[in-house]
Structures are given as C-alpha cells and as structure tokens.
Amino acid sequence: MEFTRDNIKNAEVGPELDSLVGTFVTKVAPEIKWWVMDDAETIIYDERNYESDARDALNKLVIEMFDTGLKISKKELYRNYSTSISDAFNVLEIFKDRGYLFTVKNLGGGDWEVSLTDWDGQCDISSAQATTPAEAICRAGLRAALRKQERG
C-alpha cells in the first residue's frame, strides 16, 4: 500500500488503518498467520502459525469435504492501533520518544482531536479528528510520519 494523504484519509478503521500505522509509524513487524479459506475468503476453516501446518490442514479438509475451492491465505496482522486505546497510546509514546509534543482533546459531541507537534527545526503540527481517540491518534500519527518523510 502506498503512503499518501488519500490513503491516510480513506483507510478503514481496523486492519487497513492498522497496517498503515504498523508499516509507516511504529515499524513493528506484523504477526504472520496462515488460514485455510474458501474462494471468497469469507469462511476461515483453520488458523495456523506456519504455512506447512496450513497445508496439512488444507489437505485434510479437501479429503474430508471433497471441496476444491479451498486455499491457503497468508495474513499480516498488526496490533489493533485504530480500535484499541492502549495500542494507540503506544503510538503516542513512540512520537513522544521522537521529540514530539501531543494533545488529545474531546471536542464534545463525541469527536476527538489529536495534535502532534514536531519542534525539530520548525514547529510542524499534524492533527486529525475522528469519532474515537484511537482512530484520531492513528490518523494524526500517519500525517506526522508523512510530513517527516516529505521533508526528508
């Protein structure tokens, strides 16, 4: 996935937004899981930690069910940055360690605003508003990381 303003703005809360944060902000490697799934990838038949275990499970299911529409799918799972406030606050801690100041505000009416201020050479403020503090933290963090990348 590309790292652009549009992707930051349009990424859905959940695995999509978490993947952006994990890749471009925290840079923590995802957990790799292997699943045996149907063609539509809507039914997860079995979860495994290793591809070889997933292949064994697939072979067993094909023999038992005579279903040739099954396949193995690899998923990269990041922490729940956009839905878990504790994981989102880990993102703020990363920015704090990088020298950023931050504010988290409840704007009333249910919305939240997060601002990250980078004092490294110039006062650069990246902020985001969302319905949950976790989502606002993620989007503000991504905007700050993108601005830093653009500045070089």
N, C-alpha and C. Protein backbone atom coordinates (compact mmCIF):
# COMPACT_ATOMS: atom_id res chain seq x y z
N MET A 1 0.84 -1.18 0.00
CA MET A 1 0.00 0.00 0.00
C MET A 1 0.89 1.24 0.00
N GLU A 2 0.52 2.22 -0.79
CA GLU A 2 1.28 3.46 -0.86
C GLU A 2 1.00 4.33 0.36
N PHE A 3 1.96 5.16 0.66
CA PHE A 3 1.84 6.08 1.79
C PHE A 3 1.51 7.46 1.26
N THR A 4 0.21 7.77 1.16
CA THR A 4 -0.25 9.04 0.61
C THR A 4 -1.31 9.64 1.52
N ARG A 5 -1.57 10.94 1.32
CA ARG A 5 -2.63 11.60 2.10
C ARG A 5 -3.99 10.93 1.87
N ASP A 6 -4.25 10.56 0.62
CA ASP A 6 -5.53 9.90 0.32
C ASP A 6 -5.67 8.58 1.05
N ASN A 7 -4.60 7.79 1.10
CA ASN A 7 -4.66 6.51 1.81
C ASN A 7 -4.88 6.72 3.30
N ILE A 8 -4.23 7.74 3.85
CA ILE A 8 -4.41 8.04 5.28
C ILE A 8 -5.86 8.43 5.55
N LYS A 9 -6.41 9.26 4.68
CA LYS A 9 -7.78 9.75 4.85
C LYS A 9 -8.82 8.65 4.64
N ASN A 10 -8.59 7.78 3.66
CA ASN A 10 -9.62 6.81 3.25
C ASN A 10 -9.47 5.43 3.86
N ALA A 11 -8.37 5.15 4.54
CA ALA A 11 -8.19 3.82 5.13
C ALA A 11 -9.29 3.56 6.16
N GLU A 12 -9.85 2.37 6.09
CA GLU A 12 -10.91 2.00 7.03
C GLU A 12 -10.31 1.62 8.38
N VAL A 13 -11.03 1.98 9.43
CA VAL A 13 -10.62 1.61 10.78
C VAL A 13 -10.58 0.09 10.85
N GLY A 14 -9.55 -0.43 11.48
CA GLY A 14 -9.37 -1.88 11.56
C GLY A 14 -8.08 -2.27 10.87
N PRO A 15 -8.03 -3.47 10.29
CA PRO A 15 -6.78 -3.97 9.72
C PRO A 15 -6.13 -3.05 8.68
N GLU A 16 -6.93 -2.35 7.89
CA GLU A 16 -6.36 -1.48 6.85
C GLU A 16 -5.58 -0.31 7.48
N LEU A 17 -6.20 0.38 8.42
CA LEU A 17 -5.54 1.50 9.09
C LEU A 17 -4.39 1.00 9.97
N ASP A 18 -4.61 -0.13 10.64
CA ASP A 18 -3.56 -0.72 11.48
C ASP A 18 -2.31 -1.05 10.67
N SER A 19 -2.51 -1.55 9.45
CA SER A 19 -1.40 -1.89 8.58
C SER A 19 -0.58 -0.66 8.21
N LEU A 20 -1.26 0.44 7.91
CA LEU A 20 -0.54 1.69 7.61
C LEU A 20 0.29 2.15 8.81
N VAL A 21 -0.32 2.12 9.99
CA VAL A 21 0.38 2.56 11.20
C VAL A 21 1.57 1.65 11.48
N GLY A 22 1.36 0.35 11.39
CA GLY A 22 2.45 -0.59 11.65
C GLY A 22 3.59 -0.45 10.66
N THR A 23 3.25 -0.20 9.40
CA THR A 23 4.26 -0.12 8.36
C THR A 23 5.02 1.21 8.39
N PHE A 24 4.30 2.33 8.56
CA PHE A 24 4.92 3.64 8.38
C PHE A 24 5.18 4.42 9.67
N VAL A 25 4.58 4.01 10.77
CA VAL A 25 4.78 4.76 12.02
C VAL A 25 5.59 3.94 13.02
N THR A 26 5.04 2.83 13.48
CA THR A 26 5.72 2.05 14.52
C THR A 26 6.84 1.20 13.95
N LYS A 27 6.68 0.79 12.70
CA LYS A 27 7.66 -0.07 12.00
C LYS A 27 7.92 -1.37 12.76
N VAL A 28 6.87 -1.86 13.42
CA VAL A 28 6.92 -3.14 14.11
C VAL A 28 6.41 -4.21 13.15
N ALA A 29 7.16 -5.27 13.00
CA ALA A 29 6.78 -6.33 12.08
C ALA A 29 5.45 -6.96 12.49
N PRO A 30 4.61 -7.26 11.50
CA PRO A 30 3.33 -7.88 11.82
C PRO A 30 3.49 -9.34 12.21
N GLU A 31 2.46 -9.86 12.86
CA GLU A 31 2.41 -11.29 13.13
C GLU A 31 1.88 -11.96 11.86
N ILE A 32 2.52 -13.02 11.45
CA ILE A 32 2.11 -13.73 10.23
C ILE A 32 1.25 -14.92 10.63
N LYS A 33 0.08 -15.02 10.01
CA LYS A 33 -0.82 -16.15 10.23
C LYS A 33 -1.19 -16.73 8.87
N TRP A 34 -1.46 -18.01 8.86
CA TRP A 34 -1.87 -18.72 7.64
C TRP A 34 -3.24 -19.32 7.89
N TRP A 35 -4.17 -19.14 6.95
CA TRP A 35 -5.50 -19.69 7.08
C TRP A 35 -5.85 -20.55 5.87
N VAL A 36 -6.68 -21.56 6.13
CA VAL A 36 -7.32 -22.29 5.04
C VAL A 36 -8.67 -21.62 4.86
N MET A 37 -8.93 -21.12 3.64
CA MET A 37 -10.14 -20.34 3.38
C MET A 37 -10.83 -20.83 2.11
N ASP A 38 -12.09 -20.40 1.95
CA ASP A 38 -12.77 -20.68 0.70
C ASP A 38 -12.42 -19.59 -0.32
N ASP A 39 -12.93 -19.72 -1.54
CA ASP A 39 -12.58 -18.77 -2.61
C ASP A 39 -12.95 -17.34 -2.28
N ALA A 40 -14.05 -17.12 -1.57
CA ALA A 40 -14.49 -15.77 -1.25
C ALA A 40 -13.74 -15.20 -0.05
N GLU A 41 -12.91 -16.00 0.60
CA GLU A 41 -12.16 -15.62 1.80
C GLU A 41 -13.08 -15.10 2.90
N THR A 42 -14.29 -15.63 2.95
CA THR A 42 -15.21 -15.21 3.99
C THR A 42 -15.30 -16.23 5.12
N ILE A 43 -14.97 -17.47 4.83
CA ILE A 43 -15.05 -18.51 5.85
C ILE A 43 -13.64 -18.98 6.17
N ILE A 44 -13.26 -18.81 7.42
CA ILE A 44 -11.95 -19.28 7.85
C ILE A 44 -12.14 -20.66 8.45
N TYR A 45 -11.55 -21.64 7.80
CA TYR A 45 -11.68 -23.00 8.28
C TYR A 45 -10.66 -23.35 9.35
N ASP A 46 -9.49 -22.79 9.26
CA ASP A 46 -8.44 -23.17 10.18
C ASP A 46 -7.37 -22.08 10.21
N GLU A 47 -6.85 -21.78 11.38
CA GLU A 47 -5.77 -20.79 11.53
C GLU A 47 -4.52 -21.52 11.97
N ARG A 48 -3.40 -21.18 11.36
CA ARG A 48 -2.12 -21.81 11.69
C ARG A 48 -1.02 -20.76 11.79
N ASN A 49 0.03 -21.10 12.53
CA ASN A 49 1.17 -20.20 12.65
C ASN A 49 2.20 -20.40 11.54
N TYR A 50 2.17 -21.55 10.88
CA TYR A 50 3.15 -21.86 9.85
C TYR A 50 2.46 -22.33 8.58
N GLU A 51 3.05 -22.01 7.44
CA GLU A 51 2.46 -22.40 6.16
C GLU A 51 2.37 -23.91 6.04
N SER A 52 3.37 -24.64 6.51
CA SER A 52 3.35 -26.10 6.40
C SER A 52 2.17 -26.69 7.18
N ASP A 53 1.87 -26.13 8.35
CA ASP A 53 0.71 -26.60 9.12
C ASP A 53 -0.58 -26.29 8.39
N ALA A 54 -0.64 -25.13 7.73
CA ALA A 54 -1.83 -24.77 6.97
C ALA A 54 -2.01 -25.72 5.79
N ARG A 55 -0.92 -26.11 5.14
CA ARG A 55 -1.01 -27.06 4.01
C ARG A 55 -1.55 -28.41 4.50
N ASP A 56 -1.08 -28.86 5.65
CA ASP A 56 -1.59 -30.12 6.21
C ASP A 56 -3.08 -30.03 6.50
N ALA A 57 -3.52 -28.91 7.08
CA ALA A 57 -4.93 -28.71 7.38
C ALA A 57 -5.75 -28.65 6.09
N LEU A 58 -5.23 -27.98 5.07
CA LEU A 58 -5.93 -27.90 3.78
C LEU A 58 -6.10 -29.29 3.19
N ASN A 59 -5.04 -30.08 3.18
CA ASN A 59 -5.13 -31.44 2.63
C ASN A 59 -6.16 -32.27 3.37
N LYS A 60 -6.19 -32.14 4.68
CA LYS A 60 -7.16 -32.90 5.48
C LYS A 60 -8.59 -32.46 5.15
N LEU A 61 -8.82 -31.15 5.04
CA LEU A 61 -10.16 -30.64 4.72
C LEU A 61 -10.60 -31.04 3.31
N VAL A 62 -9.70 -31.01 2.36
CA VAL A 62 -10.05 -31.39 0.98
C VAL A 62 -10.46 -32.84 0.94
N ILE A 63 -9.74 -33.68 1.65
CA ILE A 63 -10.08 -35.12 1.68
C ILE A 63 -11.43 -35.32 2.36
N GLU A 64 -11.66 -34.64 3.49
CA GLU A 64 -12.90 -34.82 4.24
C GLU A 64 -14.11 -34.23 3.53
N MET A 65 -13.94 -33.10 2.88
CA MET A 65 -15.09 -32.37 2.33
C MET A 65 -15.18 -32.44 0.81
N PHE A 66 -14.15 -32.96 0.16
CA PHE A 66 -14.11 -33.00 -1.30
C PHE A 66 -14.35 -31.62 -1.89
N ASP A 67 -13.87 -30.59 -1.20
CA ASP A 67 -14.06 -29.20 -1.65
C ASP A 67 -12.75 -28.71 -2.24
N THR A 68 -12.74 -28.45 -3.54
CA THR A 68 -11.53 -27.99 -4.18
C THR A 68 -11.44 -26.46 -4.21
N GLY A 69 -12.44 -25.77 -3.67
CA GLY A 69 -12.42 -24.31 -3.64
C GLY A 69 -11.64 -23.75 -2.46
N LEU A 70 -11.03 -24.60 -1.68
CA LEU A 70 -10.27 -24.14 -0.53
C LEU A 70 -8.85 -23.76 -0.93
N LYS A 71 -8.27 -22.81 -0.21
CA LYS A 71 -6.90 -22.38 -0.48
C LYS A 71 -6.26 -21.90 0.80
N ILE A 72 -4.96 -21.68 0.73
CA ILE A 72 -4.22 -21.16 1.87
C ILE A 72 -4.02 -19.67 1.64
N SER A 73 -4.26 -18.89 2.68
CA SER A 73 -4.12 -17.45 2.59
C SER A 73 -3.20 -16.96 3.72
N LYS A 74 -2.25 -16.11 3.36
CA LYS A 74 -1.33 -15.53 4.33
C LYS A 74 -1.85 -14.15 4.73
N LYS A 75 -1.89 -13.87 6.01
CA LYS A 75 -2.33 -12.57 6.50
C LYS A 75 -1.26 -12.00 7.43
N GLU A 76 -1.03 -10.70 7.28
CA GLU A 76 -0.13 -9.99 8.18
C GLU A 76 -0.99 -9.21 9.16
N LEU A 77 -0.88 -9.54 10.42
CA LEU A 77 -1.72 -8.94 11.44
C LEU A 77 -0.91 -7.97 12.30
N TYR A 78 -1.33 -6.72 12.28
CA TYR A 78 -0.70 -5.70 13.10
C TYR A 78 -1.50 -5.55 14.39
N ARG A 79 -0.94 -4.87 15.35
CA ARG A 79 -1.68 -4.57 16.58
C ARG A 79 -2.91 -3.77 16.23
N ASN A 80 -3.85 -3.72 17.13
CA ASN A 80 -5.13 -3.03 16.89
C ASN A 80 -5.01 -1.54 17.20
N TYR A 81 -4.11 -0.87 16.50
CA TYR A 81 -3.86 0.54 16.77
C TYR A 81 -5.11 1.40 16.65
N SER A 82 -5.96 1.13 15.68
CA SER A 82 -7.10 2.01 15.41
C SER A 82 -8.35 1.67 16.21
N THR A 83 -8.32 0.57 16.94
CA THR A 83 -9.51 0.19 17.72
C THR A 83 -9.22 -0.01 19.21
N SER A 84 -7.96 -0.11 19.58
CA SER A 84 -7.58 -0.31 20.98
C SER A 84 -6.86 0.94 21.50
N ILE A 85 -7.42 1.56 22.50
CA ILE A 85 -6.81 2.79 23.02
C ILE A 85 -5.43 2.53 23.60
N SER A 86 -5.20 1.36 24.18
CA SER A 86 -3.86 1.07 24.73
C SER A 86 -2.83 0.93 23.61
N ASP A 87 -3.20 0.28 22.51
CA ASP A 87 -2.28 0.18 21.37
C ASP A 87 -2.06 1.56 20.74
N ALA A 88 -3.11 2.37 20.67
CA ALA A 88 -2.99 3.72 20.12
C ALA A 88 -2.08 4.59 20.99
N PHE A 89 -2.17 4.45 22.30
CA PHE A 89 -1.29 5.23 23.16
C PHE A 89 0.16 4.80 23.02
N ASN A 90 0.41 3.56 22.60
CA ASN A 90 1.78 3.15 22.28
C ASN A 90 2.32 3.97 21.12
N VAL A 91 1.45 4.31 20.17
CA VAL A 91 1.84 5.16 19.04
C VAL A 91 2.25 6.54 19.56
N LEU A 92 1.46 7.08 20.49
CA LEU A 92 1.82 8.39 21.07
C LEU A 92 3.16 8.33 21.81
N GLU A 93 3.42 7.24 22.49
CA GLU A 93 4.70 7.07 23.20
C GLU A 93 5.87 7.07 22.21
N ILE A 94 5.66 6.46 21.05
CA ILE A 94 6.71 6.46 20.02
C ILE A 94 7.01 7.88 19.58
N PHE A 95 5.95 8.67 19.35
CA PHE A 95 6.16 10.06 18.94
C PHE A 95 6.79 10.88 20.07
N LYS A 96 6.40 10.61 21.30
CA LYS A 96 6.99 11.31 22.44
C LYS A 96 8.49 11.04 22.48
N ASP A 97 8.88 9.77 22.26
CA ASP A 97 10.30 9.41 22.24
C ASP A 97 11.05 10.07 21.09
N ARG A 98 10.33 10.42 20.02
CA ARG A 98 10.94 11.09 18.87
C ARG A 98 10.99 12.61 19.05
N GLY A 99 10.54 13.10 20.19
CA GLY A 99 10.61 14.52 20.49
C GLY A 99 9.35 15.32 20.17
N TYR A 100 8.27 14.66 19.89
CA TYR A 100 7.01 15.34 19.59
C TYR A 100 6.27 15.66 20.89
N LEU A 101 5.51 16.73 20.87
CA LEU A 101 4.52 17.03 21.91
C LEU A 101 3.18 16.62 21.35
N PHE A 102 2.26 16.20 22.21
CA PHE A 102 0.95 15.81 21.70
C PHE A 102 -0.17 16.27 22.62
N THR A 103 -1.34 16.46 22.03
CA THR A 103 -2.55 16.74 22.79
C THR A 103 -3.65 15.82 22.28
N VAL A 104 -4.48 15.38 23.20
CA VAL A 104 -5.65 14.58 22.88
C VAL A 104 -6.83 15.31 23.50
N LYS A 105 -7.77 15.73 22.65
CA LYS A 105 -8.91 16.52 23.14
C LYS A 105 -10.22 15.87 22.77
N ASN A 106 -11.16 15.91 23.72
CA ASN A 106 -12.54 15.55 23.43
C ASN A 106 -13.24 16.84 23.02
N LEU A 107 -13.71 16.88 21.79
CA LEU A 107 -14.30 18.11 21.26
C LEU A 107 -15.77 18.27 21.63
N GLY A 108 -16.34 17.32 22.29
CA GLY A 108 -17.77 17.37 22.58
C GLY A 108 -18.52 16.82 21.38
N GLY A 109 -19.70 16.32 21.62
CA GLY A 109 -20.46 15.73 20.53
C GLY A 109 -19.89 14.40 20.08
N GLY A 110 -18.94 13.87 20.84
CA GLY A 110 -18.40 12.56 20.52
C GLY A 110 -17.12 12.55 19.70
N ASP A 111 -16.68 13.68 19.16
CA ASP A 111 -15.47 13.70 18.34
C ASP A 111 -14.23 13.94 19.19
N TRP A 112 -13.10 13.47 18.66
CA TRP A 112 -11.80 13.61 19.31
C TRP A 112 -10.83 14.25 18.35
N GLU A 113 -9.88 15.02 18.88
CA GLU A 113 -8.84 15.61 18.07
C GLU A 113 -7.49 15.31 18.70
N VAL A 114 -6.55 14.91 17.87
CA VAL A 114 -5.19 14.65 18.32
C VAL A 114 -4.26 15.51 17.49
N SER A 115 -3.35 16.20 18.17
CA SER A 115 -2.34 17.02 17.51
C SER A 115 -0.96 16.55 17.94
N LEU A 116 -0.07 16.43 16.96
CA LEU A 116 1.32 16.09 17.21
C LEU A 116 2.17 17.26 16.72
N THR A 117 3.02 17.78 17.60
CA THR A 117 3.85 18.94 17.26
C THR A 117 5.32 18.53 17.28
N ASP A 118 5.96 18.74 16.13
CA ASP A 118 7.38 18.41 15.98
C ASP A 118 8.18 19.70 16.07
N TRP A 119 9.04 19.81 17.08
CA TRP A 119 9.85 21.02 17.28
C TRP A 119 11.23 20.87 16.66
N ASP A 120 11.46 19.85 15.87
CA ASP A 120 12.76 19.60 15.26
C ASP A 120 13.03 20.57 14.10
N GLY A 121 13.56 21.73 14.43
CA GLY A 121 13.90 22.71 13.40
C GLY A 121 12.78 23.68 13.09
N GLN A 122 11.56 23.21 13.12
CA GLN A 122 10.42 24.09 12.86
C GLN A 122 9.19 23.53 13.58
N CYS A 123 8.25 24.38 13.83
CA CYS A 123 7.04 23.95 14.52
C CYS A 123 6.07 23.36 13.50
N ASP A 124 6.05 22.06 13.42
CA ASP A 124 5.20 21.35 12.47
C ASP A 124 4.08 20.66 13.24
N ILE A 125 2.85 21.00 12.94
CA ILE A 125 1.71 20.41 13.65
C ILE A 125 0.94 19.52 12.68
N SER A 126 0.72 18.27 13.10
CA SER A 126 -0.11 17.34 12.36
C SER A 126 -1.27 16.96 13.26
N SER A 127 -2.48 17.11 12.76
CA SER A 127 -3.63 16.80 13.60
C SER A 127 -4.67 16.03 12.82
N ALA A 128 -5.57 15.40 13.57
CA ALA A 128 -6.67 14.64 12.96
C ALA A 128 -7.84 14.61 13.93
N GLN A 129 -9.03 14.56 13.36
CA GLN A 129 -10.25 14.40 14.16
C GLN A 129 -10.94 13.11 13.74
N ALA A 130 -11.55 12.45 14.73
CA ALA A 130 -12.26 11.20 14.47
C ALA A 130 -13.26 10.97 15.59
N THR A 131 -14.07 9.94 15.43
CA THR A 131 -15.09 9.64 16.43
C THR A 131 -14.53 8.89 17.64
N THR A 132 -13.33 8.31 17.50
CA THR A 132 -12.70 7.64 18.65
C THR A 132 -11.29 8.20 18.82
N PRO A 133 -10.79 8.21 20.05
CA PRO A 133 -9.42 8.70 20.24
C PRO A 133 -8.39 7.83 19.53
N ALA A 134 -8.61 6.51 19.48
CA ALA A 134 -7.66 5.61 18.83
C ALA A 134 -7.52 5.94 17.34
N GLU A 135 -8.64 6.15 16.67
CA GLU A 135 -8.59 6.49 15.25
C GLU A 135 -7.91 7.84 15.04
N ALA A 136 -8.22 8.82 15.87
CA ALA A 136 -7.61 10.14 15.73
C ALA A 136 -6.10 10.07 15.94
N ILE A 137 -5.66 9.27 16.90
CA ILE A 137 -4.22 9.08 17.14
C ILE A 137 -3.55 8.49 15.91
N CYS A 138 -4.17 7.47 15.34
CA CYS A 138 -3.59 6.81 14.16
C CYS A 138 -3.47 7.76 12.98
N ARG A 139 -4.53 8.48 12.70
CA ARG A 139 -4.50 9.38 11.53
C ARG A 139 -3.53 10.54 11.75
N ALA A 140 -3.48 11.09 12.96
CA ALA A 140 -2.53 12.16 13.24
C ALA A 140 -1.10 11.64 13.15
N GLY A 141 -0.86 10.45 13.67
CA GLY A 141 0.47 9.85 13.59
C GLY A 141 0.91 9.60 12.16
N LEU A 142 0.00 9.12 11.35
CA LEU A 142 0.32 8.90 9.95
C LEU A 142 0.61 10.21 9.22
N ARG A 143 -0.16 11.24 9.52
CA ARG A 143 0.08 12.55 8.89
C ARG A 143 1.44 13.10 9.30
N ALA A 144 1.80 12.93 10.58
CA ALA A 144 3.10 13.41 11.05
C ALA A 144 4.23 12.63 10.38
N ALA A 145 4.08 11.32 10.25
CA ALA A 145 5.11 10.50 9.61
C ALA A 145 5.25 10.86 8.13
N LEU A 146 4.14 11.14 7.46
CA LEU A 146 4.19 11.52 6.06
C LEU A 146 4.88 12.88 5.89
N ARG A 147 4.54 13.83 6.76
CA ARG A 147 5.19 15.16 6.68
C ARG A 147 6.69 15.04 6.90
N LYS A 148 7.08 14.21 7.84
CA LYS A 148 8.51 14.00 8.11
C LYS A 148 9.18 13.39 6.89
N GLN A 149 8.54 12.43 6.27
CA GLN A 149 9.08 11.78 5.07
C GLN A 149 9.21 12.78 3.91
N GLU A 150 8.21 13.63 3.74
CA GLU A 150 8.22 14.62 2.66
C GLU A 150 9.33 15.65 2.85
N ARG A 151 9.63 15.98 4.11
CA ARG A 151 10.69 16.95 4.41
C ARG A 151 12.07 16.35 4.21
N GLY A 152 12.11 15.00 4.27
CA GLY A 152 13.40 14.32 4.09
C GLY A 152 14.08 14.15 5.34
